[in-house]
Amino acid sequence: ADASGNLNMEKLYNLAVKKNLPKRKLISMHSFLSSMSAMAAIMVLLPTFAPCIDEFGLPQIFNYNAEVSVQMLWQCQLCAVLQLISSVLGMFRLPKNSPSVRNIGFMMTATAVVQTNFVI
């Protein structure tokens, strides 16, 4: 605002332009791998998406009885590896002063993802 109390539109415009400049920091490796693993998981689940009522009269969202191709198995393995790396990198991104409940939750999730990937 100037001396008379009016807002200066030019100053507001310059502030808005300055505030909306692209970030200097690129996306982190953890964020990139997490996004890629989420997209890979969606792509793996998409062919099995078949909402219906099964032979027992229960609602079914995914049909896992369909034939699975070799390409789909490779895609599942890629998704598992991306989730494995992303969960381990996520542990290093936690702030030092984060509460123990948050640390334990992330550790349990990362441990489950890592163990599941070694089983697969």
C-alpha atoms as a PDB file:
ATOM      1  CA  ALA A   1       0.000   0.000   0.000  1.00  0.00           C
ATOM      2  CA  ASP A   2       1.218   3.510  -0.729  1.00  0.00           C
ATOM      3  CA  ALA A   3       1.030   6.553   1.573  1.00  0.00           C
ATOM      4  CA  SER A   4      -2.675   7.082   0.852  1.00  0.00           C
ATOM      5  CA  GLY A   5      -3.514   3.470   1.770  1.00  0.00           C
ATOM      6  CA  ASN A   6      -4.192   2.305  -1.810  1.00  0.00           C
ATOM      7  CA  LEU A   7      -2.710  -0.901  -3.136  1.00  0.00           C
ATOM      8  CA  ASN A   8      -0.139  -0.449  -5.873  1.00  0.00           C
ATOM      9  CA  MET A   9      -1.130  -2.892  -8.630  1.00  0.00           C
ATOM     10  CA  GLU A  10       2.327  -2.861 -10.184  1.00  0.00           C
ATOM     11  CA  LYS A  11       3.956  -3.891  -6.895  1.00  0.00           C
ATOM     12  CA  LEU A  12       1.340  -6.615  -6.381  1.00  0.00           C
ATOM     13  CA  TYR A  13       1.897  -7.889  -9.914  1.00  0.00           C
ATOM     14  CA  ASN A  14       5.683  -7.967  -9.453  1.00  0.00           C
ATOM     15  CA  LEU A  15       5.248  -9.792  -6.149  1.00  0.00           C
ATOM     16  CA  ALA A  16       2.955 -12.376  -7.766  1.00  0.00           C
ATOM     17  CA  VAL A  17       5.403 -12.928 -10.625  1.00  0.00           C
ATOM     18  CA  LYS A  18       8.297 -13.288  -8.199  1.00  0.00           C
ATOM     19  CA  LYS A  19       6.326 -15.716  -5.999  1.00  0.00           C
ATOM     20  CA  ASN A  20       5.315 -17.919  -8.953  1.00  0.00           C
ATOM     21  CA  LEU A  21       8.748 -18.347 -10.503  1.00  0.00           C
ATOM     22  CA  PRO A  22       9.778 -21.981 -11.027  1.00  0.00           C
ATOM     23  CA  LYS A  23      11.538 -23.603  -8.117  1.00  0.00           C
ATOM     24  CA  ARG A  24      15.293 -23.789  -8.339  1.00  0.00           C
ATOM     25  CA  LYS A  25      15.419 -27.195  -6.699  1.00  0.00           C
ATOM     26  CA  LEU A  26      14.540 -30.160  -8.884  1.00  0.00           C
ATOM     27  CA  ILE A  27      12.241 -32.909  -7.663  1.00  0.00           C
ATOM     28  CA  SER A  28      13.940 -35.306  -5.244  1.00  0.00           C
ATOM     29  CA  MET A  29      14.838 -38.854  -6.243  1.00  0.00           C
ATOM     30  CA  HIS A  30      12.420 -40.196  -3.613  1.00  0.00           C
ATOM     31  CA  SER A  31       9.510 -38.167  -5.018  1.00  0.00           C
ATOM     32  CA  PHE A  32      10.351 -39.169  -8.589  1.00  0.00           C
ATOM     33  CA  LEU A  33      10.588 -42.884  -7.751  1.00  0.00           C
ATOM     34  CA  SER A  34       7.416 -42.737  -5.639  1.00  0.00           C
ATOM     35  CA  SER A  35       5.512 -41.180  -8.538  1.00  0.00           C
ATOM     36  CA  MET A  36       6.895 -43.743 -10.961  1.00  0.00           C
ATOM     37  CA  SER A  37       6.021 -46.652  -8.653  1.00  0.00           C
ATOM     38  CA  ALA A  38       2.480 -45.324  -8.189  1.00  0.00           C
ATOM     39  CA  MET A  39       2.030 -45.071 -11.968  1.00  0.00           C
ATOM     40  CA  ALA A  40       3.528 -48.547 -12.433  1.00  0.00           C
ATOM     41  CA  ALA A  41       1.127 -49.972  -9.814  1.00  0.00           C
ATOM     42  CA  ILE A  42      -1.851 -48.395 -11.577  1.00  0.00           C
ATOM     43  CA  MET A  43      -0.659 -49.789 -14.907  1.00  0.00           C
ATOM     44  CA  VAL A  44      -0.284 -53.262 -13.385  1.00  0.00           C
ATOM     45  CA  LEU A  45      -3.766 -53.178 -11.845  1.00  0.00           C
ATOM     46  CA  LEU A  46      -5.528 -51.669 -14.854  1.00  0.00           C
ATOM     47  CA  PRO A  47      -5.790 -54.891 -16.927  1.00  0.00           C
ATOM     48  CA  THR A  48      -7.306 -56.739 -13.965  1.00  0.00           C
ATOM     49  CA  PHE A  49      -9.949 -54.072 -13.284  1.00  0.00           C
ATOM     50  CA  ALA A  50     -13.290 -55.797 -13.901  1.00  0.00           C
ATOM     51  CA  PRO A  51     -16.039 -54.710 -11.484  1.00  0.00           C
ATOM     52  CA  CYS A  52     -18.794 -57.310 -11.322  1.00  0.00           C
ATOM     53  CA  ILE A  53     -20.524 -59.832  -9.071  1.00  0.00           C
ATOM     54  CA  ASP A  54     -18.597 -63.095  -8.796  1.00  0.00           C
ATOM     55  CA  GLU A  55     -20.027 -66.621  -8.846  1.00  0.00           C
ATOM     56  CA  PHE A  56     -20.630 -66.475  -5.070  1.00  0.00           C
ATOM     57  CA  GLY A  57     -22.712 -63.300  -5.326  1.00  0.00           C
ATOM     58  CA  LEU A  58     -20.020 -61.087  -3.832  1.00  0.00           C
ATOM     59  CA  PRO A  59     -18.859 -57.818  -5.374  1.00  0.00           C
ATOM     60  CA  GLN A  60     -15.564 -58.062  -7.210  1.00  0.00           C
ATOM     61  CA  ILE A  61     -13.427 -55.121  -8.311  1.00  0.00           C
ATOM     62  CA  PHE A  62     -10.376 -56.890  -9.758  1.00  0.00           C
ATOM     63  CA  ASN A  63     -10.279 -60.202 -11.625  1.00  0.00           C
ATOM     64  CA  TYR A  64      -7.056 -62.003 -10.770  1.00  0.00           C
ATOM     65  CA  ASN A  65      -8.158 -65.230 -12.477  1.00  0.00           C
ATOM     66  CA  ALA A  66      -7.335 -63.883 -15.928  1.00  0.00           C
ATOM     67  CA  GLU A  67      -4.310 -65.088 -17.860  1.00  0.00           C
ATOM     68  CA  VAL A  68      -1.116 -63.273 -16.923  1.00  0.00           C
ATOM     69  CA  SER A  69       1.438 -62.459 -19.597  1.00  0.00           C
ATOM     70  CA  VAL A  70       5.200 -62.474 -19.190  1.00  0.00           C
ATOM     71  CA  GLN A  71       5.221 -58.717 -19.831  1.00  0.00           C
ATOM     72  CA  MET A  72       2.796 -58.185 -16.956  1.00  0.00           C
ATOM     73  CA  LEU A  73       5.036 -60.195 -14.621  1.00  0.00           C
ATOM     74  CA  TRP A  74       8.011 -58.046 -15.614  1.00  0.00           C
ATOM     75  CA  GLN A  75       5.914 -54.952 -14.981  1.00  0.00           C
ATOM     76  CA  CYS A  76       4.961 -56.278 -11.524  1.00  0.00           C
ATOM     77  CA  GLN A  77       8.634 -56.853 -10.767  1.00  0.00           C
ATOM     78  CA  LEU A  78       9.518 -53.319 -11.907  1.00  0.00           C
ATOM     79  CA  CYS A  79       6.754 -51.924  -9.700  1.00  0.00           C
ATOM     80  CA  ALA A  80       8.055 -53.922  -6.734  1.00  0.00           C
ATOM     81  CA  VAL A  81      11.633 -52.716  -7.233  1.00  0.00           C
ATOM     82  CA  LEU A  82      10.503 -49.078  -7.555  1.00  0.00           C
ATOM     83  CA  GLN A  83       8.494 -49.384  -4.332  1.00  0.00           C
ATOM     84  CA  LEU A  84      11.439 -51.028  -2.601  1.00  0.00           C
ATOM     85  CA  ILE A  85      13.860 -48.237  -3.508  1.00  0.00           C
ATOM     86  CA  SER A  86      11.290 -45.520  -2.813  1.00  0.00           C
ATOM     87  CA  SER A  87      10.480 -46.839   0.657  1.00  0.00           C
ATOM     88  CA  VAL A  88      14.136 -47.061   1.643  1.00  0.00           C
ATOM     89  CA  LEU A  89      14.846 -43.548   0.325  1.00  0.00           C
ATOM     90  CA  GLY A  90      11.768 -42.298   2.177  1.00  0.00           C
ATOM     91  CA  MET A  91      13.323 -43.326   5.481  1.00  0.00           C
ATOM     92  CA  PHE A  92      16.245 -40.971   4.841  1.00  0.00           C
ATOM     93  CA  ARG A  93      13.899 -38.071   4.074  1.00  0.00           C
ATOM     94  CA  LEU A  94      12.275 -38.040   7.506  1.00  0.00           C
ATOM     95  CA  PRO A  95      13.233 -34.949   9.532  1.00  0.00           C
ATOM     96  CA  LYS A  96      15.470 -35.539  12.553  1.00  0.00           C
ATOM     97  CA  ASN A  97      12.910 -34.086  14.982  1.00  0.00           C
ATOM     98  CA  SER A  98       9.883 -35.999  13.643  1.00  0.00           C
ATOM     99  CA  PRO A  99       7.805 -37.772  16.312  1.00  0.00           C
ATOM    100  CA  SER A 100       8.545 -41.399  17.055  1.00  0.00           C
ATOM    101  CA  VAL A 101       5.031 -42.420  15.977  1.00  0.00           C
ATOM    102  CA  ARG A 102       5.731 -41.094  12.489  1.00  0.00           C
ATOM    103  CA  ASN A 103       9.161 -42.769  12.386  1.00  0.00           C
ATOM    104  CA  ILE A 104       7.732 -46.108  13.511  1.00  0.00           C
ATOM    105  CA  GLY A 105       4.928 -45.906  10.941  1.00  0.00           C
ATOM    106  CA  PHE A 106       7.351 -45.234   8.114  1.00  0.00           C
ATOM    107  CA  MET A 107       9.747 -47.936   9.336  1.00  0.00           C
ATOM    108  CA  MET A 108       6.978 -50.534   9.521  1.00  0.00           C
ATOM    109  CA  THR A 109       5.756 -49.655   6.038  1.00  0.00           C
ATOM    110  CA  ALA A 110       9.268 -49.688   4.578  1.00  0.00           C
ATOM    111  CA  THR A 111      10.033 -53.014   6.278  1.00  0.00           C
ATOM    112  CA  ALA A 112       6.825 -54.568   4.947  1.00  0.00           C
ATOM    113  CA  VAL A 113       7.578 -53.335   1.409  1.00  0.00           C
ATOM    114  CA  VAL A 114      11.171 -54.594   1.547  1.00  0.00           C
ATOM    115  CA  GLN A 115      10.199 -58.025   2.911  1.00  0.00           C
ATOM    116  CA  THR A 116       7.352 -58.383   0.425  1.00  0.00           C
ATOM    117  CA  ASN A 117       9.688 -57.558  -2.452  1.00  0.00           C
ATOM    118  CA  PHE A 118      12.193 -60.178  -1.373  1.00  0.00           C
ATOM    119  CA  VAL A 119       9.409 -62.775  -1.248  1.00  0.00           C
ATOM    120  CA  ILE A 120       8.216 -61.859  -4.740  1.00  0.00           C
END
